[in-house]
PDB file of N, CA and C in Angstrom:
ATOM      1  N   UNK A   1       2.584 -14.418 -36.510  1.00  0.00           N
ATOM      2  CA  UNK A   1       1.303 -13.731 -36.500  1.00  0.00           C
ATOM      3  C   UNK A   1       0.200 -14.787 -36.513  1.00  0.00           C
ATOM      4  N   UNK A   2      -0.871 -14.509 -35.768  1.00  0.00           N
ATOM      5  CA  UNK A   2      -2.016 -15.404 -35.712  1.00  0.00           C
ATOM      6  C   UNK A   2      -2.871 -15.184 -36.950  1.00  0.00           C
ATOM      7  N   UNK A   3      -3.434 -16.265 -37.455  1.00  0.00           N
ATOM      8  CA  UNK A   3      -4.303 -16.178 -38.627  1.00  0.00           C
ATOM      9  C   UNK A   3      -5.755 -16.127 -38.182  1.00  0.00           C
ATOM     10  N   UNK A   4      -6.557 -15.329 -38.879  1.00  0.00           N
ATOM     11  CA  UNK A   4      -7.973 -15.175 -38.582  1.00  0.00           C
ATOM     12  C   UNK A   4      -8.745 -15.368 -39.870  1.00  0.00           C
ATOM     13  N   UNK A   5      -9.778 -16.183 -39.829  1.00  0.00           N
ATOM     14  CA  UNK A   5     -10.621 -16.397 -41.001  1.00  0.00           C
ATOM     15  C   UNK A   5     -11.846 -15.509 -40.880  1.00  0.00           C
ATOM     16  N   UNK A   6     -12.156 -14.823 -41.953  1.00  0.00           N
ATOM     17  CA  UNK A   6     -13.264 -13.885 -41.970  1.00  0.00           C
ATOM     18  C   UNK A   6     -14.229 -14.281 -43.075  1.00  0.00           C
ATOM     19  N   UNK A   7     -15.500 -14.354 -42.762  1.00  0.00           N
ATOM     20  CA  UNK A   7     -16.522 -14.654 -43.767  1.00  0.00           C
ATOM     21  C   UNK A   7     -17.158 -13.357 -44.237  1.00  0.00           C
ATOM     22  N   UNK A   8     -17.319 -13.243 -45.545  1.00  0.00           N
ATOM     23  CA  UNK A   8     -17.997 -12.078 -46.121  1.00  0.00           C
ATOM     24  C   UNK A   8     -19.042 -12.588 -47.112  1.00  0.00           C
ATOM     25  N   UNK A   9     -20.109 -11.831 -47.303  1.00  0.00           N
ATOM     26  CA  UNK A   9     -21.129 -12.235 -48.280  1.00  0.00           C
ATOM     27  C   UNK A   9     -20.531 -12.258 -49.690  1.00  0.00           C
ATOM     28  N   UNK A  10     -21.076 -13.106 -50.564  1.00  0.00           N
ATOM     29  CA  UNK A  10     -20.547 -13.216 -51.936  1.00  0.00           C
ATOM     30  C   UNK A  10     -20.490 -11.892 -52.678  1.00  0.00           C
ATOM     31  N   UNK A  11     -21.508 -11.042 -52.511  1.00  0.00           N
ATOM     32  CA  UNK A  11     -21.518  -9.751 -53.210  1.00  0.00           C
ATOM     33  C   UNK A  11     -20.354  -8.874 -52.757  1.00  0.00           C
ATOM     34  N   UNK A  12     -20.060  -8.889 -51.474  1.00  0.00           N
ATOM     35  CA  UNK A  12     -18.930  -8.112 -50.956  1.00  0.00           C
ATOM     36  C   UNK A  12     -17.621  -8.647 -51.524  1.00  0.00           C
ATOM     37  N   UNK A  13     -17.487  -9.958 -51.557  1.00  0.00           N
ATOM     38  CA  UNK A  13     -16.270 -10.580 -52.115  1.00  0.00           C
ATOM     39  C   UNK A  13     -16.110 -10.217 -53.587  1.00  0.00           C
ATOM     40  N   UNK A  14     -17.216 -10.215 -54.329  1.00  0.00           N
ATOM     41  CA  UNK A  14     -17.164  -9.856 -55.749  1.00  0.00           C
ATOM     42  C   UNK A  14     -16.656  -8.422 -55.907  1.00  0.00           C
ATOM     43  N   UNK A  15     -17.149  -7.531 -55.061  1.00  0.00           N
ATOM     44  CA  UNK A  15     -16.712  -6.132 -55.133  1.00  0.00           C
ATOM     45  C   UNK A  15     -15.242  -5.999 -54.741  1.00  0.00           C
ATOM     46  N   UNK A  16     -14.835  -6.740 -53.729  1.00  0.00           N
ATOM     47  CA  UNK A  16     -13.429  -6.708 -53.308  1.00  0.00           C
ATOM     48  C   UNK A  16     -12.522  -7.196 -54.433  1.00  0.00           C
ATOM     49  N   UNK A  17     -12.968  -8.228 -55.140  1.00  0.00           N
ATOM     50  CA  UNK A  17     -12.159  -8.805 -56.222  1.00  0.00           C
ATOM     51  C   UNK A  17     -11.917  -7.817 -57.363  1.00  0.00           C
ATOM     52  N   UNK A  18     -12.743  -6.796 -57.456  1.00  0.00           N
ATOM     53  CA  UNK A  18     -12.553  -5.775 -58.490  1.00  0.00           C
ATOM     54  C   UNK A  18     -11.366  -4.870 -58.180  1.00  0.00           C
ATOM     55  N   UNK A  19     -10.814  -5.002 -56.961  1.00  0.00           N
ATOM     56  CA  UNK A  19      -9.700  -4.155 -56.542  1.00  0.00           C
ATOM     57  C   UNK A  19      -8.564  -5.004 -55.977  1.00  0.00           C
ATOM     58  N   UNK A  20      -7.903  -5.759 -56.861  1.00  0.00           N
ATOM     59  CA  UNK A  20      -6.810  -6.622 -56.386  1.00  0.00           C
ATOM     60  C   UNK A  20      -5.601  -5.831 -55.875  1.00  0.00           C
ATOM     61  N   UNK A  21      -5.567  -4.541 -56.158  1.00  0.00           N
ATOM     62  CA  UNK A  21      -4.451  -3.710 -55.688  1.00  0.00           C
ATOM     63  C   UNK A  21      -4.527  -3.445 -54.177  1.00  0.00           C
ATOM     64  N   UNK A  22      -5.681  -3.686 -53.603  1.00  0.00           N
ATOM     65  CA  UNK A  22      -5.870  -3.458 -52.170  1.00  0.00           C
ATOM     66  C   UNK A  22      -5.492  -4.710 -51.391  1.00  0.00           C
ATOM     67  N   UNK A  23      -4.681  -4.525 -50.353  1.00  0.00           N
ATOM     68  CA  UNK A  23      -4.356  -5.634 -49.454  1.00  0.00           C
ATOM     69  C   UNK A  23      -5.422  -5.635 -48.362  1.00  0.00           C
ATOM     70  N   UNK A  24      -6.470  -6.404 -48.593  1.00  0.00           N
ATOM     71  CA  UNK A  24      -7.638  -6.378 -47.720  1.00  0.00           C
ATOM     72  C   UNK A  24      -7.302  -6.795 -46.298  1.00  0.00           C
ATOM     73  N   UNK A  25      -6.393  -7.729 -46.131  1.00  0.00           N
ATOM     74  CA  UNK A  25      -6.044  -8.149 -44.769  1.00  0.00           C
ATOM     75  C   UNK A  25      -5.417  -6.982 -43.999  1.00  0.00           C
ATOM     76  N   UNK A  26      -4.623  -6.177 -44.673  1.00  0.00           N
ATOM     77  CA  UNK A  26      -4.031  -4.996 -44.021  1.00  0.00           C
ATOM     78  C   UNK A  26      -5.108  -3.987 -43.646  1.00  0.00           C
ATOM     79  N   UNK A  27      -6.078  -3.823 -44.525  1.00  0.00           N
ATOM     80  CA  UNK A  27      -7.171  -2.898 -44.251  1.00  0.00           C
ATOM     81  C   UNK A  27      -7.974  -3.347 -43.032  1.00  0.00           C
ATOM     82  N   UNK A  28      -8.273  -4.635 -42.979  1.00  0.00           N
ATOM     83  CA  UNK A  28      -9.048  -5.163 -41.854  1.00  0.00           C
ATOM     84  C   UNK A  28      -8.247  -5.039 -40.560  1.00  0.00           C
ATOM     85  N   UNK A  29      -6.952  -5.336 -40.610  1.00  0.00           N
ATOM     86  CA  UNK A  29      -6.092  -5.182 -39.415  1.00  0.00           C
ATOM     87  C   UNK A  29      -6.134  -3.746 -38.906  1.00  0.00           C
ATOM     88  N   UNK A  30      -6.051  -2.791 -39.819  1.00  0.00           N
ATOM     89  CA  UNK A  30      -6.060  -1.376 -39.424  1.00  0.00           C
ATOM     90  C   UNK A  30      -7.393  -0.991 -38.789  1.00  0.00           C
ATOM     91  N   UNK A  31      -8.479  -1.504 -39.329  1.00  0.00           N
ATOM     92  CA  UNK A  31      -9.799  -1.202 -38.774  1.00  0.00           C
ATOM     93  C   UNK A  31      -9.939  -1.804 -37.380  1.00  0.00           C
ATOM     94  N   UNK A  32      -9.499  -3.042 -37.217  1.00  0.00           N
ATOM     95  CA  UNK A  32      -9.553  -3.691 -35.908  1.00  0.00           C
ATOM     96  C   UNK A  32      -8.695  -2.920 -34.907  1.00  0.00           C
ATOM     97  N   UNK A  33      -7.508  -2.518 -35.316  1.00  0.00           N
ATOM     98  CA  UNK A  33      -6.617  -1.769 -34.434  1.00  0.00           C
ATOM     99  C   UNK A  33      -7.253  -0.450 -33.997  1.00  0.00           C
ATOM    100  N   UNK A  34      -7.863   0.264 -34.938  1.00  0.00           N
ATOM    101  CA  UNK A  34      -8.507   1.537 -34.619  1.00  0.00           C
ATOM    102  C   UNK A  34      -9.668   1.327 -33.661  1.00  0.00           C
ATOM    103  N   UNK A  35     -10.453   0.294 -33.904  1.00  0.00           N
ATOM    104  CA  UNK A  35     -11.590   0.015 -33.023  1.00  0.00           C
ATOM    105  C   UNK A  35     -11.109  -0.296 -31.610  1.00  0.00           C
ATOM    106  N   UNK A  36     -10.070  -1.102 -31.499  1.00  0.00           N
ATOM    107  CA  UNK A  36      -9.522  -1.427 -30.181  1.00  0.00           C
ATOM    108  C   UNK A  36      -8.947  -0.199 -29.491  1.00  0.00           C
ATOM    109  N   UNK A  37      -8.247   0.649 -30.236  1.00  0.00           N
ATOM    110  CA  UNK A  37      -7.726   1.893 -29.663  1.00  0.00           C
ATOM    111  C   UNK A  37      -8.869   2.745 -29.114  1.00  0.00           C
ATOM    112  N   UNK A  38      -9.952   2.857 -29.895  1.00  0.00           N
ATOM    113  CA  UNK A  38     -11.108   3.642 -29.461  1.00  0.00           C
ATOM    114  C   UNK A  38     -11.731   3.044 -28.199  1.00  0.00           C
ATOM    115  N   UNK A  39     -11.884   1.729 -28.171  1.00  0.00           N
ATOM    116  CA  UNK A  39     -12.463   1.067 -27.000  1.00  0.00           C
ATOM    117  C   UNK A  39     -11.593   1.256 -25.758  1.00  0.00           C
ATOM    118  N   UNK A  40     -10.286   1.156 -25.927  1.00  0.00           N
ATOM    119  CA  UNK A  40      -9.380   1.332 -24.794  1.00  0.00           C
ATOM    120  C   UNK A  40      -9.414   2.761 -24.277  1.00  0.00           C
ATOM    121  N   UNK A  41      -9.527   3.721 -25.183  1.00  0.00           N
ATOM    122  CA  UNK A  41      -9.656   5.125 -24.767  1.00  0.00           C
ATOM    123  C   UNK A  41     -10.961   5.311 -23.992  1.00  0.00           C
ATOM    124  N   UNK A  42     -12.037   4.745 -24.516  1.00  0.00           N
ATOM    125  CA  UNK A  42     -13.325   4.826 -23.833  1.00  0.00           C
ATOM    126  C   UNK A  42     -13.249   4.184 -22.452  1.00  0.00           C
ATOM    127  N   UNK A  43     -12.612   3.029 -22.362  1.00  0.00           N
ATOM    128  CA  UNK A  43     -12.462   2.355 -21.068  1.00  0.00           C
ATOM    129  C   UNK A  43     -11.685   3.219 -20.072  1.00  0.00           C
ATOM    130  N   UNK A  44     -10.595   3.848 -20.546  1.00  0.00           N
ATOM    131  CA  UNK A  44      -9.800   4.707 -19.659  1.00  0.00           C
ATOM    132  C   UNK A  44     -10.631   5.891 -19.165  1.00  0.00           C
ATOM    133  N   UNK A  45     -11.361   6.517 -20.066  1.00  0.00           N
ATOM    134  CA  UNK A  45     -12.195   7.654 -19.682  1.00  0.00           C
ATOM    135  C   UNK A  45     -13.306   7.227 -18.723  1.00  0.00           C
ATOM    136  N   UNK A  46     -13.939   6.108 -19.027  1.00  0.00           N
ATOM    137  CA  UNK A  46     -15.043   5.636 -18.193  1.00  0.00           C
ATOM    138  C   UNK A  46     -14.568   5.235 -16.801  1.00  0.00           C
ATOM    139  N   UNK A  47     -13.354   4.719 -16.710  1.00  0.00           N
ATOM    140  CA  UNK A  47     -12.859   4.282 -15.400  1.00  0.00           C
ATOM    141  C   UNK A  47     -12.641   5.460 -14.446  1.00  0.00           C
ATOM    142  N   UNK A  48     -12.476   6.663 -15.014  1.00  0.00           N
ATOM    143  CA  UNK A  48     -12.257   7.859 -14.201  1.00  0.00           C
ATOM    144  C   UNK A  48     -13.550   8.650 -13.990  1.00  0.00           C
ATOM    145  N   UNK A  49     -14.617   8.234 -14.661  1.00  0.00           N
ATOM    146  CA  UNK A  49     -15.864   8.985 -14.614  1.00  0.00           C
ATOM    147  C   UNK A  49     -16.653   8.695 -13.347  1.00  0.00           C
ATOM    148  N   UNK A  50     -17.331   9.719 -12.881  1.00  0.00           N
ATOM    149  CA  UNK A  50     -18.221   9.555 -11.736  1.00  0.00           C
ATOM    150  C   UNK A  50     -19.679   9.581 -12.173  1.00  0.00           C
ATOM    151  N   UNK A  51     -19.892   9.589 -13.500  1.00  0.00           N
ATOM    152  CA  UNK A  51     -21.254   9.586 -14.017  1.00  0.00           C
ATOM    153  C   UNK A  51     -21.879   8.208 -13.814  1.00  0.00           C
ATOM    154  N   UNK A  52     -23.166   8.219 -13.520  1.00  0.00           N
ATOM    155  CA  UNK A  52     -23.892   6.954 -13.439  1.00  0.00           C
ATOM    156  C   UNK A  52     -24.361   6.575 -14.845  1.00  0.00           C
ATOM    157  N   UNK A  53     -24.835   5.365 -14.998  1.00  0.00           N
ATOM    158  CA  UNK A  53     -25.341   4.941 -16.296  1.00  0.00           C
ATOM    159  C   UNK A  53     -26.530   5.809 -16.701  1.00  0.00           C
ATOM    160  N   UNK A  54     -27.349   6.180 -15.732  1.00  0.00           N
ATOM    161  CA  UNK A  54     -28.490   7.051 -16.021  1.00  0.00           C
ATOM    162  C   UNK A  54     -28.013   8.424 -16.507  1.00  0.00           C
ATOM    163  N   UNK A  55     -26.970   8.959 -15.870  1.00  0.00           N
ATOM    164  CA  UNK A  55     -26.403  10.243 -16.306  1.00  0.00           C
ATOM    165  C   UNK A  55     -25.968  10.159 -17.768  1.00  0.00           C
ATOM    166  N   UNK A  56     -25.308   9.080 -18.107  1.00  0.00           N
ATOM    167  CA  UNK A  56     -24.802   8.900 -19.468  1.00  0.00           C
ATOM    168  C   UNK A  56     -25.972   8.810 -20.448  1.00  0.00           C
ATOM    169  N   UNK A  57     -27.012   8.068 -20.078  1.00  0.00           N
ATOM    170  CA  UNK A  57     -28.186   7.943 -20.952  1.00  0.00           C
ATOM    171  C   UNK A  57     -28.861   9.294 -21.167  1.00  0.00           C
ATOM    172  N   UNK A  58     -28.979  10.089 -20.106  1.00  0.00           N
ATOM    173  CA  UNK A  58     -29.585  11.416 -20.224  1.00  0.00           C
ATOM    174  C   UNK A  58     -28.740  12.331 -21.101  1.00  0.00           C
ATOM    175  N   UNK A  59     -27.437  12.284 -20.917  1.00  0.00           N
ATOM    176  CA  UNK A  59     -26.533  13.089 -21.739  1.00  0.00           C
ATOM    177  C   UNK A  59     -26.610  12.662 -23.197  1.00  0.00           C
ATOM    178  N   UNK A  60     -26.626  11.363 -23.447  1.00  0.00           N
ATOM    179  CA  UNK A  60     -26.721  10.849 -24.820  1.00  0.00           C
ATOM    180  C   UNK A  60     -28.034  11.295 -25.472  1.00  0.00           C
ATOM    181  N   UNK A  61     -29.127  11.287 -24.722  1.00  0.00           N
ATOM    182  CA  UNK A  61     -30.416  11.725 -25.260  1.00  0.00           C
ATOM    183  C   UNK A  61     -30.370  13.207 -25.642  1.00  0.00           C
ATOM    184  N   UNK A  62     -29.725  14.013 -24.818  1.00  0.00           N
ATOM    185  CA  UNK A  62     -29.600  15.445 -25.121  1.00  0.00           C
ATOM    186  C   UNK A  62     -28.745  15.669 -26.365  1.00  0.00           C
ATOM    187  N   UNK A  63     -27.661  14.930 -26.471  1.00  0.00           N
ATOM    188  CA  UNK A  63     -26.800  15.050 -27.656  1.00  0.00           C
ATOM    189  C   UNK A  63     -27.568  14.627 -28.900  1.00  0.00           C
ATOM    190  N   UNK A  64     -28.278  13.502 -28.816  1.00  0.00           N
ATOM    191  CA  UNK A  64     -29.064  13.021 -29.958  1.00  0.00           C
ATOM    192  C   UNK A  64     -30.100  14.058 -30.384  1.00  0.00           C
ATOM    193  N   UNK A  65     -30.797  14.632 -29.415  1.00  0.00           N
ATOM    194  CA  UNK A  65     -31.819  15.636 -29.725  1.00  0.00           C
ATOM    195  C   UNK A  65     -31.191  16.865 -30.380  1.00  0.00           C
ATOM    196  N   UNK A  66     -30.056  17.294 -29.859  1.00  0.00           N
ATOM    197  CA  UNK A  66     -29.363  18.450 -30.434  1.00  0.00           C
ATOM    198  C   UNK A  66     -28.880  18.188 -31.847  1.00  0.00           C
ATOM    199  N   UNK A  67     -28.343  17.012 -32.073  1.00  0.00           N
ATOM    200  CA  UNK A  67     -27.866  16.659 -33.419  1.00  0.00           C
ATOM    201  C   UNK A  67     -29.040  16.554 -34.388  1.00  0.00           C
ATOM    202  N   UNK A  68     -30.158  15.983 -33.932  1.00  0.00           N
ATOM    203  CA  UNK A  68     -31.337  15.874 -34.792  1.00  0.00           C
ATOM    204  C   UNK A  68     -31.841  17.256 -35.180  1.00  0.00           C
ATOM    205  N   UNK A  69     -31.851  18.170 -34.206  1.00  0.00           N
ATOM    206  CA  UNK A  69     -32.297  19.545 -34.479  1.00  0.00           C
ATOM    207  C   UNK A  69     -31.382  20.217 -35.500  1.00  0.00           C
ATOM    208  N   UNK A  70     -30.056  20.061 -35.331  1.00  0.00           N
ATOM    209  CA  UNK A  70     -29.104  20.668 -36.280  1.00  0.00           C
ATOM    210  C   UNK A  70     -29.282  20.075 -37.672  1.00  0.00           C
ATOM    211  N   UNK A  71     -29.494  18.761 -37.748  1.00  0.00           N
ATOM    212  CA  UNK A  71     -29.662  18.098 -39.029  1.00  0.00           C
ATOM    213  C   UNK A  71     -30.916  18.606 -39.737  1.00  0.00           C
ATOM    214  N   UNK A  72     -32.027  18.721 -38.979  1.00  0.00           N
ATOM    215  CA  UNK A  72     -33.274  19.209 -39.571  1.00  0.00           C
ATOM    216  C   UNK A  72     -33.124  20.642 -40.053  1.00  0.00           C
ATOM    217  N   UNK A  73     -32.438  21.487 -39.277  1.00  0.00           N
ATOM    218  CA  UNK A  73     -32.224  22.872 -39.678  1.00  0.00           C
ATOM    219  C   UNK A  73     -31.359  22.953 -40.930  1.00  0.00           C
ATOM    220  N   UNK A  74     -30.331  22.133 -40.984  1.00  0.00           N
ATOM    221  CA  UNK A  74     -29.451  22.123 -42.160  1.00  0.00           C
ATOM    222  C   UNK A  74     -30.212  21.648 -43.384  1.00  0.00           C
ATOM    223  N   UNK A  75     -31.062  20.663 -43.200  1.00  0.00           N
ATOM    224  CA  UNK A  75     -31.852  20.142 -44.308  1.00  0.00           C
ATOM    225  C   UNK A  75     -32.826  21.210 -44.802  1.00  0.00           C
ATOM    226  N   UNK A  76     -33.442  21.929 -43.863  1.00  0.00           N
ATOM    227  CA  UNK A  76     -34.355  23.013 -44.204  1.00  0.00           C
ATOM    228  C   UNK A  76     -33.620  24.114 -44.976  1.00  0.00           C
ATOM    229  N   UNK A  77     -32.424  24.469 -44.527  1.00  0.00           N
ATOM    230  CA  UNK A  77     -31.628  25.503 -45.204  1.00  0.00           C
ATOM    231  C   UNK A  77     -31.228  25.064 -46.606  1.00  0.00           C
ATOM    232  N   UNK A  78     -30.941  23.797 -46.775  1.00  0.00           N
ATOM    233  CA  UNK A  78     -30.528  23.290 -48.092  1.00  0.00           C
ATOM    234  C   UNK A  78     -31.657  23.361 -49.103  1.00  0.00           C
ATOM    235  N   UNK A  79     -32.900  23.268 -48.631  1.00  0.00           N
ATOM    236  CA  UNK A  79     -34.059  23.328 -49.537  1.00  0.00           C
ATOM    237  C   UNK A  79     -34.348  24.750 -50.017  1.00  0.00           C
ATOM    238  N   UNK A  80     -33.807  25.742 -49.333  1.00  0.00           N
ATOM    239  CA  UNK A  80     -34.100  27.141 -49.709  1.00  0.00           C
ATOM    240  C   UNK A  80     -33.354  27.555 -50.919  1.00  0.00           C
TER     241      UNK A  80
END
């Protein structure tokens, strides 16, 4: 297995040290693996897409606007 050195801020290291039961290298490996799986899935989907970059930007803007509206409505309902 290849070794990888990772730098973390001192405060993060201090917090990690409070949990010696956690195998942090295993956790980081799992996160990297999941991220790569997600990227590869995205690449496969994008390679079959006929959307232009502009189409994707417009769709993303609509999704963002819709999510913002739902969040504001939920926040309003929570205050009642």
